[in-house]
Amino acid sequence: MATPYRLYLDESGDHTYRDLTNLEKRYLGLTGVLVPRQSYDEKLQPALEELKRAHFTYDADKPPVLVRSQIVRHRGPFWRLRDPGNNQRWCDDLISFIESHDFLVYTVVIDKKTHFETYSTSSFNPYEYSMRALLNRVRGLQVYYRQGQSVGVMAEARGKREDSQLRNDYELFRNLGDERRTGAEVRATYPEVIDFRRKDHNVAGLQLADLIAYPQKMDIVERNGRPMHAQLSAFSKRLNDALESKIMGQYGRVLLN
């Protein structure tokens, strides 16, 4: 039976502890987009396809997949954005899309340098640590506001080894819980299996998470006064402003050390 909500996960940054003096690799951000399934199926998913159809060359058998790294560089199917007028219209319509749809945003950022300096060889896997923190926050609000309605989880596939590790940790989290939740409490919210999809599967929720993960990560870094490799662009700031009403205060964003 389908869960009434689904959480789409995407990360921004490197999930290893290599080269932590490099500010571009110091932080890992994990963003979750929580969407009611009915609203997603009937409104958000078809609207995102229409948005792409309006701005890019569109083949229904192989539609363009929104990837932030390609969009900001105007590569691949996003070459039309090299024209300033086209780019402005795309930015305006994307903001309107975000403002008009029903979803919540959760972002957890880990400062890997601080974490590793504190815990050394006892440091947690950054992605798994962030995922547990994010799932706990989503569960907390689901129980408080929505009487514990269950949430399916879908993450972008990162590779066979990484996906296997994450799947195992998800199963452990459901079975044993952690210092905050019992396994029974976790199982009451999250189903047995975490789903994985690649970019080419054209999943609207994962594309939305991909678009906002980096701006949300850097917003949290900046809010906490941590050093940044670059300032956010004017559009990233505008995007974060549009997302503000979809972030539930301290539950919606956190910096882990």
C-alpha atoms as a PDB file:
ATOM      1  CA  MET A   1       0.000   0.000   0.000  1.00  0.00           C
ATOM      2  CA  ALA A   2       1.365   3.438  -0.955  1.00  0.00           C
ATOM      3  CA  THR A   3       2.339   5.728   1.900  1.00  0.00           C
ATOM      4  CA  PRO A   4       0.453   9.057   2.084  1.00  0.00           C
ATOM      5  CA  TYR A   5       3.731  11.003   2.003  1.00  0.00           C
ATOM      6  CA  ARG A   6       7.055  10.546   0.264  1.00  0.00           C
ATOM      7  CA  LEU A   7      10.428  12.023   1.156  1.00  0.00           C
ATOM      8  CA  TYR A   8      12.848  12.617  -1.740  1.00  0.00           C
ATOM      9  CA  LEU A   9      16.522  12.829  -0.756  1.00  0.00           C
ATOM     10  CA  ASP A  10      19.514  14.353  -2.492  1.00  0.00           C
ATOM     11  CA  GLU A  11      22.913  15.415  -1.241  1.00  0.00           C
ATOM     12  CA  SER A  12      25.236  18.308  -1.960  1.00  0.00           C
ATOM     13  CA  GLY A  13      28.917  17.744  -1.323  1.00  0.00           C
ATOM     14  CA  ASP A  14      31.416  14.979  -0.741  1.00  0.00           C
ATOM     15  CA  HIS A  15      30.506  12.185   1.695  1.00  0.00           C
ATOM     16  CA  THR A  16      34.155  11.263   2.468  1.00  0.00           C
ATOM     17  CA  TYR A  17      36.626  12.762   4.940  1.00  0.00           C
ATOM     18  CA  ARG A  18      39.243  13.544   2.288  1.00  0.00           C
ATOM     19  CA  ASP A  19      40.728  17.035   1.749  1.00  0.00           C
ATOM     20  CA  LEU A  20      38.754  18.728   4.536  1.00  0.00           C
ATOM     21  CA  THR A  21      40.793  21.933   4.316  1.00  0.00           C
ATOM     22  CA  ASN A  22      39.142  22.466   0.921  1.00  0.00           C
ATOM     23  CA  LEU A  23      36.025  24.508   1.690  1.00  0.00           C
ATOM     24  CA  GLU A  24      34.230  23.044  -1.326  1.00  0.00           C
ATOM     25  CA  LYS A  25      34.509  19.590   0.306  1.00  0.00           C
ATOM     26  CA  ARG A  26      34.182  20.494   3.974  1.00  0.00           C
ATOM     27  CA  TYR A  27      30.379  20.326   4.201  1.00  0.00           C
ATOM     28  CA  LEU A  28      27.902  17.639   3.235  1.00  0.00           C
ATOM     29  CA  GLY A  29      24.292  18.707   2.932  1.00  0.00           C
ATOM     30  CA  LEU A  30      21.377  16.283   2.750  1.00  0.00           C
ATOM     31  CA  THR A  31      18.058  17.746   1.648  1.00  0.00           C
ATOM     32  CA  GLY A  32      14.685  16.067   1.872  1.00  0.00           C
ATOM     33  CA  VAL A  33      11.575  17.211   0.007  1.00  0.00           C
ATOM     34  CA  LEU A  34       8.438  15.914   1.744  1.00  0.00           C
ATOM     35  CA  VAL A  35       5.359  15.806  -0.483  1.00  0.00           C
ATOM     36  CA  PRO A  36       1.818  14.468   0.006  1.00  0.00           C
ATOM     37  CA  ARG A  37       1.493  11.662  -2.533  1.00  0.00           C
ATOM     38  CA  GLN A  38      -1.858  12.823  -3.922  1.00  0.00           C
ATOM     39  CA  SER A  39      -0.615  16.367  -4.443  1.00  0.00           C
ATOM     40  CA  TYR A  40       2.562  15.017  -6.022  1.00  0.00           C
ATOM     41  CA  ASP A  41       0.758  12.708  -8.459  1.00  0.00           C
ATOM     42  CA  GLU A  42      -1.966  15.148  -9.456  1.00  0.00           C
ATOM     43  CA  LYS A  43      -0.143  18.481  -9.415  1.00  0.00           C
ATOM     44  CA  LEU A  44       3.602  18.680  -8.765  1.00  0.00           C
ATOM     45  CA  GLN A  45       4.850  15.934 -11.081  1.00  0.00           C
ATOM     46  CA  PRO A  46       2.832  16.928 -14.172  1.00  0.00           C
ATOM     47  CA  ALA A  47       3.528  20.632 -13.520  1.00  0.00           C
ATOM     48  CA  LEU A  48       7.274  20.013 -13.500  1.00  0.00           C
ATOM     49  CA  GLU A  49       7.059  18.278 -16.864  1.00  0.00           C
ATOM     50  CA  GLU A  50       5.084  21.226 -18.230  1.00  0.00           C
ATOM     51  CA  LEU A  51       7.728  23.601 -16.880  1.00  0.00           C
ATOM     52  CA  LYS A  52      10.434  21.699 -18.750  1.00  0.00           C
ATOM     53  CA  ARG A  53       8.304  21.511 -21.871  1.00  0.00           C
ATOM     54  CA  ALA A  54       7.884  25.297 -21.829  1.00  0.00           C
ATOM     55  CA  HIS A  55      11.603  26.060 -21.636  1.00  0.00           C
ATOM     56  CA  PHE A  56      13.614  23.248 -23.214  1.00  0.00           C
ATOM     57  CA  THR A  57      13.537  20.945 -26.213  1.00  0.00           C
ATOM     58  CA  TYR A  58      11.206  18.204 -25.072  1.00  0.00           C
ATOM     59  CA  ASP A  59      10.954  14.597 -26.208  1.00  0.00           C
ATOM     60  CA  ALA A  60       8.282  12.702 -24.280  1.00  0.00           C
ATOM     61  CA  ASP A  61      10.237   9.456 -24.704  1.00  0.00           C
ATOM     62  CA  LYS A  62      13.406  11.043 -23.329  1.00  0.00           C
ATOM     63  CA  PRO A  63      12.505  14.228 -21.460  1.00  0.00           C
ATOM     64  CA  PRO A  64      15.222  16.527 -20.111  1.00  0.00           C
ATOM     65  CA  VAL A  65      16.147  15.800 -16.504  1.00  0.00           C
ATOM     66  CA  LEU A  66      16.812  18.829 -14.312  1.00  0.00           C
ATOM     67  CA  VAL A  67      20.361  18.696 -12.949  1.00  0.00           C
ATOM     68  CA  ARG A  68      21.546  21.821 -11.161  1.00  0.00           C
ATOM     69  CA  SER A  69      25.208  21.439 -12.168  1.00  0.00           C
ATOM     70  CA  GLN A  70      24.234  21.363 -15.852  1.00  0.00           C
ATOM     71  CA  ILE A  71      21.664  24.141 -15.562  1.00  0.00           C
ATOM     72  CA  VAL A  72      24.030  26.669 -13.971  1.00  0.00           C
ATOM     73  CA  ARG A  73      26.605  25.947 -16.696  1.00  0.00           C
ATOM     74  CA  HIS A  74      23.968  25.974 -19.463  1.00  0.00           C
ATOM     75  CA  ARG A  75      25.086  22.576 -20.708  1.00  0.00           C
ATOM     76  CA  GLY A  76      23.294  19.777 -22.535  1.00  0.00           C
ATOM     77  CA  PRO A  77      19.553  20.415 -22.965  1.00  0.00           C
ATOM     78  CA  PHE A  78      19.869  23.678 -21.032  1.00  0.00           C
ATOM     79  CA  TRP A  79      21.869  25.525 -23.721  1.00  0.00           C
ATOM     80  CA  ARG A  80      18.928  27.873 -24.284  1.00  0.00           C
ATOM     81  CA  LEU A  81      19.672  29.487 -20.923  1.00  0.00           C
ATOM     82  CA  ARG A  82      22.776  31.083 -22.436  1.00  0.00           C
ATOM     83  CA  ASP A  83      20.377  33.737 -23.696  1.00  0.00           C
ATOM     84  CA  PRO A  84      19.802  36.213 -20.815  1.00  0.00           C
ATOM     85  CA  GLY A  85      16.111  36.592 -21.639  1.00  0.00           C
ATOM     86  CA  ASN A  86      15.506  32.842 -21.686  1.00  0.00           C
ATOM     87  CA  ASN A  87      17.434  32.451 -18.453  1.00  0.00           C
ATOM     88  CA  GLN A  88      15.396  35.148 -16.711  1.00  0.00           C
ATOM     89  CA  ARG A  89      12.096  33.601 -17.800  1.00  0.00           C
ATOM     90  CA  TRP A  90      13.278  30.174 -16.571  1.00  0.00           C
ATOM     91  CA  CYS A  91      14.310  31.594 -13.203  1.00  0.00           C
ATOM     92  CA  ASP A  92      10.999  33.413 -12.779  1.00  0.00           C
ATOM     93  CA  ASP A  93       8.944  30.342 -13.714  1.00  0.00           C
ATOM     94  CA  LEU A  94      10.961  28.059 -11.433  1.00  0.00           C
ATOM     95  CA  ILE A  95      10.349  30.397  -8.501  1.00  0.00           C
ATOM     96  CA  SER A  96       6.633  30.454  -9.327  1.00  0.00           C
ATOM     97  CA  PHE A  97       6.598  26.664  -9.493  1.00  0.00           C
ATOM     98  CA  ILE A  98       8.202  26.366  -6.057  1.00  0.00           C
ATOM     99  CA  GLU A  99       5.853  28.912  -4.489  1.00  0.00           C
ATOM    100  CA  SER A 100       2.705  27.304  -5.902  1.00  0.00           C
ATOM    101  CA  HIS A 101       3.202  23.669  -4.836  1.00  0.00           C
ATOM    102  CA  ASP A 102       2.645  21.833  -1.579  1.00  0.00           C
ATOM    103  CA  PHE A 103       5.825  20.407  -0.036  1.00  0.00           C
ATOM    104  CA  LEU A 104       8.138  20.856   2.947  1.00  0.00           C
ATOM    105  CA  VAL A 105      11.928  21.064   2.912  1.00  0.00           C
ATOM    106  CA  TYR A 106      14.358  19.615   5.447  1.00  0.00           C
ATOM    107  CA  THR A 107      18.127  20.074   5.208  1.00  0.00           C
ATOM    108  CA  VAL A 108      20.842  18.670   7.455  1.00  0.00           C
ATOM    109  CA  VAL A 109      24.431  19.835   7.001  1.00  0.00           C
ATOM    110  CA  ILE A 110      27.445  18.188   8.616  1.00  0.00           C
ATOM    111  CA  ASP A 111      30.689  20.109   9.080  1.00  0.00           C
ATOM    112  CA  LYS A 112      32.941  17.139   8.377  1.00  0.00           C
ATOM    113  CA  LYS A 113      36.121  18.938   9.433  1.00  0.00           C
ATOM    114  CA  THR A 114      34.771  19.778  12.887  1.00  0.00           C
ATOM    115  CA  HIS A 115      33.202  16.342  13.259  1.00  0.00           C
ATOM    116  CA  PHE A 116      36.392  14.499  12.333  1.00  0.00           C
ATOM    117  CA  GLU A 117      38.568  16.705  14.550  1.00  0.00           C
ATOM    118  CA  THR A 118      36.219  15.940  17.454  1.00  0.00           C
ATOM    119  CA  TYR A 119      35.698  12.197  16.949  1.00  0.00           C
ATOM    120  CA  SER A 120      38.612  11.105  14.734  1.00  0.00           C
ATOM    121  CA  THR A 121      38.386   7.380  13.936  1.00  0.00           C
ATOM    122  CA  SER A 122      35.045   7.177  15.765  1.00  0.00           C
ATOM    123  CA  SER A 123      33.469   9.599  13.299  1.00  0.00           C
ATOM    124  CA  PHE A 124      30.187   8.566  11.716  1.00  0.00           C
ATOM    125  CA  ASN A 125      29.671   8.022   8.000  1.00  0.00           C
ATOM    126  CA  PRO A 126      28.606  11.568   7.015  1.00  0.00           C
ATOM    127  CA  TYR A 127      25.734  10.548   4.716  1.00  0.00           C
ATOM    128  CA  GLU A 128      24.299   7.954   7.099  1.00  0.00           C
ATOM    129  CA  TYR A 129      24.648  10.280  10.109  1.00  0.00           C
ATOM    130  CA  SER A 130      22.891  13.061   8.196  1.00  0.00           C
ATOM    131  CA  MET A 131      20.153  10.738   6.978  1.00  0.00           C
ATOM    132  CA  ARG A 132      19.289   9.564  10.486  1.00  0.00           C
ATOM    133  CA  ALA A 133      19.181  13.144  11.743  1.00  0.00           C
ATOM    134  CA  LEU A 134      16.933  14.175   8.861  1.00  0.00           C
ATOM    135  CA  LEU A 135      14.590  11.182   9.218  1.00  0.00           C
ATOM    136  CA  ASN A 136      14.231  11.885  12.941  1.00  0.00           C
ATOM    137  CA  ARG A 137      13.220  15.468  12.208  1.00  0.00           C
ATOM    138  CA  VAL A 138      10.707  14.506   9.550  1.00  0.00           C
ATOM    139  CA  ARG A 139       9.226  11.869  11.857  1.00  0.00           C
ATOM    140  CA  GLY A 140       8.954  14.361  14.703  1.00  0.00           C
ATOM    141  CA  LEU A 141       6.820  16.747  12.691  1.00  0.00           C
ATOM    142  CA  GLN A 142       4.778  13.963  11.111  1.00  0.00           C
ATOM    143  CA  VAL A 143       3.838  12.640  14.544  1.00  0.00           C
ATOM    144  CA  TYR A 144       3.156  16.109  15.957  1.00  0.00           C
ATOM    145  CA  TYR A 145       1.145  17.579  13.084  1.00  0.00           C
ATOM    146  CA  ARG A 146      -0.177  14.623  11.111  1.00  0.00           C
ATOM    147  CA  GLN A 147      -0.876  11.924  13.704  1.00  0.00           C
ATOM    148  CA  GLY A 148       2.026   9.756  12.575  1.00  0.00           C
ATOM    149  CA  GLN A 149       1.152   9.278   8.911  1.00  0.00           C
ATOM    150  CA  SER A 150       3.788   7.125   7.245  1.00  0.00           C
ATOM    151  CA  VAL A 151       6.449   8.379   4.850  1.00  0.00           C
ATOM    152  CA  GLY A 152       8.079   6.501   1.985  1.00  0.00           C
ATOM    153  CA  VAL A 153      11.720   7.374   1.329  1.00  0.00           C
ATOM    154  CA  MET A 154      13.394   7.686  -2.060  1.00  0.00           C
ATOM    155  CA  ALA A 155      17.062   8.619  -2.557  1.00  0.00           C
ATOM    156  CA  GLU A 156      19.090   9.294  -5.652  1.00  0.00           C
ATOM    157  CA  ALA A 157      21.229   6.280  -6.514  1.00  0.00           C
ATOM    158  CA  ARG A 158      24.923   7.036  -5.898  1.00  0.00           C
ATOM    159  CA  GLY A 159      26.533   3.698  -6.805  1.00  0.00           C
ATOM    160  CA  LYS A 160      26.128   0.029  -5.937  1.00  0.00           C
ATOM    161  CA  ARG A 161      28.410   0.122  -2.899  1.00  0.00           C
ATOM    162  CA  GLU A 162      27.076   3.405  -1.504  1.00  0.00           C
ATOM    163  CA  ASP A 163      23.454   2.375  -2.025  1.00  0.00           C
ATOM    164  CA  SER A 164      24.057  -0.965  -0.318  1.00  0.00           C
ATOM    165  CA  GLN A 165      25.620   0.752   2.693  1.00  0.00           C
ATOM    166  CA  LEU A 166      22.743   3.217   2.949  1.00  0.00           C
ATOM    167  CA  ARG A 167      20.150   0.450   2.582  1.00  0.00           C
ATOM    168  CA  ASN A 168      21.817  -1.500   5.402  1.00  0.00           C
ATOM    169  CA  ASP A 169      21.934   1.536   7.675  1.00  0.00           C
ATOM    170  CA  TYR A 170      18.284   2.306   6.943  1.00  0.00           C
ATOM    171  CA  GLU A 171      17.362  -1.254   7.925  1.00  0.00           C
ATOM    172  CA  LEU A 172      19.385  -0.980  11.153  1.00  0.00           C
ATOM    173  CA  PHE A 173      17.712   2.327  11.954  1.00  0.00           C
ATOM    174  CA  ARG A 174      14.253   0.752  11.500  1.00  0.00           C
ATOM    175  CA  ASN A 175      15.164  -2.319  13.541  1.00  0.00           C
ATOM    176  CA  LEU A 176      17.097  -0.741  16.404  1.00  0.00           C
ATOM    177  CA  GLY A 177      16.343   2.963  16.362  1.00  0.00           C
ATOM    178  CA  ASP A 178      18.959   5.251  17.890  1.00  0.00           C
ATOM    179  CA  GLU A 179      19.496   7.378  20.986  1.00  0.00           C
ATOM    180  CA  ARG A 180      16.403   9.419  20.088  1.00  0.00           C
ATOM    181  CA  ARG A 181      13.911   6.836  18.805  1.00  0.00           C
ATOM    182  CA  THR A 182      13.161   3.187  19.388  1.00  0.00           C
ATOM    183  CA  GLY A 183      13.015   0.858  16.410  1.00  0.00           C
ATOM    184  CA  ALA A 184       9.260   0.553  16.886  1.00  0.00           C
ATOM    185  CA  GLU A 185       8.854   4.335  16.654  1.00  0.00           C
ATOM    186  CA  VAL A 186      10.921   4.469  13.477  1.00  0.00           C
ATOM    187  CA  ARG A 187       9.002   1.576  11.898  1.00  0.00           C
ATOM    188  CA  ALA A 188       5.716   3.323  12.663  1.00  0.00           C
ATOM    189  CA  THR A 189       6.699   6.127  10.268  1.00  0.00           C
ATOM    190  CA  TYR A 190       9.021   4.576   7.688  1.00  0.00           C
ATOM    191  CA  PRO A 191       8.315   1.507   5.508  1.00  0.00           C
ATOM    192  CA  GLU A 192      10.592  -1.494   5.232  1.00  0.00           C
ATOM    193  CA  VAL A 193      12.387  -0.512   2.032  1.00  0.00           C
ATOM    194  CA  ILE A 194      14.165   2.658   0.941  1.00  0.00           C
ATOM    195  CA  ASP A 195      13.847   3.220  -2.812  1.00  0.00           C
ATOM    196  CA  PHE A 196      16.661   4.312  -5.113  1.00  0.00           C
ATOM    197  CA  ARG A 197      16.316   5.924  -8.535  1.00  0.00           C
ATOM    198  CA  ARG A 198      18.885   7.206 -11.014  1.00  0.00           C
ATOM    199  CA  LYS A 199      18.760  10.661 -12.588  1.00  0.00           C
ATOM    200  CA  ASP A 200      17.624   9.200 -15.899  1.00  0.00           C
ATOM    201  CA  HIS A 201      14.478   7.838 -14.226  1.00  0.00           C
ATOM    202  CA  ASN A 202      13.160  11.405 -14.396  1.00  0.00           C
ATOM    203  CA  VAL A 203      11.693  11.499 -10.867  1.00  0.00           C
ATOM    204  CA  ALA A 204      10.217  14.933 -10.215  1.00  0.00           C
ATOM    205  CA  GLY A 205      10.828  14.868  -6.445  1.00  0.00           C
ATOM    206  CA  LEU A 206      14.497  13.994  -6.876  1.00  0.00           C
ATOM    207  CA  GLN A 207      14.937  16.723  -9.472  1.00  0.00           C
ATOM    208  CA  LEU A 208      13.421  19.269  -7.106  1.00  0.00           C
ATOM    209  CA  ALA A 209      15.716  18.084  -4.300  1.00  0.00           C
ATOM    210  CA  ASP A 210      18.712  18.365  -6.652  1.00  0.00           C
ATOM    211  CA  LEU A 211      17.837  21.963  -7.542  1.00  0.00           C
ATOM    212  CA  ILE A 212      17.610  23.157  -3.943  1.00  0.00           C
ATOM    213  CA  ALA A 213      20.170  21.014  -2.076  1.00  0.00           C
ATOM    214  CA  TYR A 214      23.194  23.258  -2.721  1.00  0.00           C
ATOM    215  CA  PRO A 215      21.492  26.610  -2.017  1.00  0.00           C
ATOM    216  CA  GLN A 216      19.974  25.202   1.179  1.00  0.00           C
ATOM    217  CA  LYS A 217      23.296  23.743   2.316  1.00  0.00           C
ATOM    218  CA  MET A 218      25.143  27.016   1.836  1.00  0.00           C
ATOM    219  CA  ASP A 219      22.345  28.988   3.501  1.00  0.00           C
ATOM    220  CA  ILE A 220      22.816  26.886   6.644  1.00  0.00           C
ATOM    221  CA  VAL A 221      26.608  27.253   6.479  1.00  0.00           C
ATOM    222  CA  GLU A 222      26.244  31.031   6.182  1.00  0.00           C
ATOM    223  CA  ARG A 223      23.637  31.277   8.968  1.00  0.00           C
ATOM    224  CA  ASN A 224      26.057  29.497  11.315  1.00  0.00           C
ATOM    225  CA  GLY A 225      29.002  31.734  10.463  1.00  0.00           C
ATOM    226  CA  ARG A 226      31.154  28.965   8.987  1.00  0.00           C
ATOM    227  CA  PRO A 227      33.695  29.749   6.269  1.00  0.00           C
ATOM    228  CA  MET A 228      32.409  29.454   2.703  1.00  0.00           C
ATOM    229  CA  HIS A 229      34.248  28.835  -0.561  1.00  0.00           C
ATOM    230  CA  ALA A 230      31.970  31.317  -2.374  1.00  0.00           C
ATOM    231  CA  GLN A 231      28.990  33.545  -1.768  1.00  0.00           C
ATOM    232  CA  LEU A 232      25.581  32.415  -2.924  1.00  0.00           C
ATOM    233  CA  SER A 233      24.446  33.820  -6.250  1.00  0.00           C
ATOM    234  CA  ALA A 234      21.574  36.295  -6.404  1.00  0.00           C
ATOM    235  CA  PHE A 235      19.320  33.589  -7.827  1.00  0.00           C
ATOM    236  CA  SER A 236      20.260  31.058  -5.114  1.00  0.00           C
ATOM    237  CA  LYS A 237      19.320  33.644  -2.510  1.00  0.00           C
ATOM    238  CA  ARG A 238      16.042  34.263  -4.319  1.00  0.00           C
ATOM    239  CA  LEU A 239      15.421  30.505  -4.396  1.00  0.00           C
ATOM    240  CA  ASN A 240      16.066  30.226  -0.658  1.00  0.00           C
ATOM    241  CA  ASP A 241      13.665  33.104  -0.016  1.00  0.00           C
ATOM    242  CA  ALA A 242      10.962  31.279  -1.985  1.00  0.00           C
ATOM    243  CA  LEU A 243      11.562  28.148   0.103  1.00  0.00           C
ATOM    244  CA  GLU A 244      11.397  29.907   3.463  1.00  0.00           C
ATOM    245  CA  SER A 245       7.692  29.223   4.014  1.00  0.00           C
ATOM    246  CA  LYS A 246       8.295  25.498   3.381  1.00  0.00           C
ATOM    247  CA  ILE A 247      10.911  25.137   6.137  1.00  0.00           C
ATOM    248  CA  MET A 248       9.555  24.362   9.594  1.00  0.00           C
ATOM    249  CA  GLY A 249      11.884  26.467  11.699  1.00  0.00           C
ATOM    250  CA  GLN A 250      14.586  24.594  13.626  1.00  0.00           C
ATOM    251  CA  TYR A 251      13.190  21.269  12.475  1.00  0.00           C
ATOM    252  CA  GLY A 252      13.740  22.178   8.848  1.00  0.00           C
ATOM    253  CA  ARG A 253      17.418  23.072   8.927  1.00  0.00           C
ATOM    254  CA  VAL A 254      20.297  22.105  11.178  1.00  0.00           C
ATOM    255  CA  LEU A 255      24.097  22.097  11.231  1.00  0.00           C
ATOM    256  CA  LEU A 256      25.703  18.970  12.670  1.00  0.00           C
ATOM    257  CA  ASN A 257      29.244  19.063  14.074  1.00  0.00           C
END
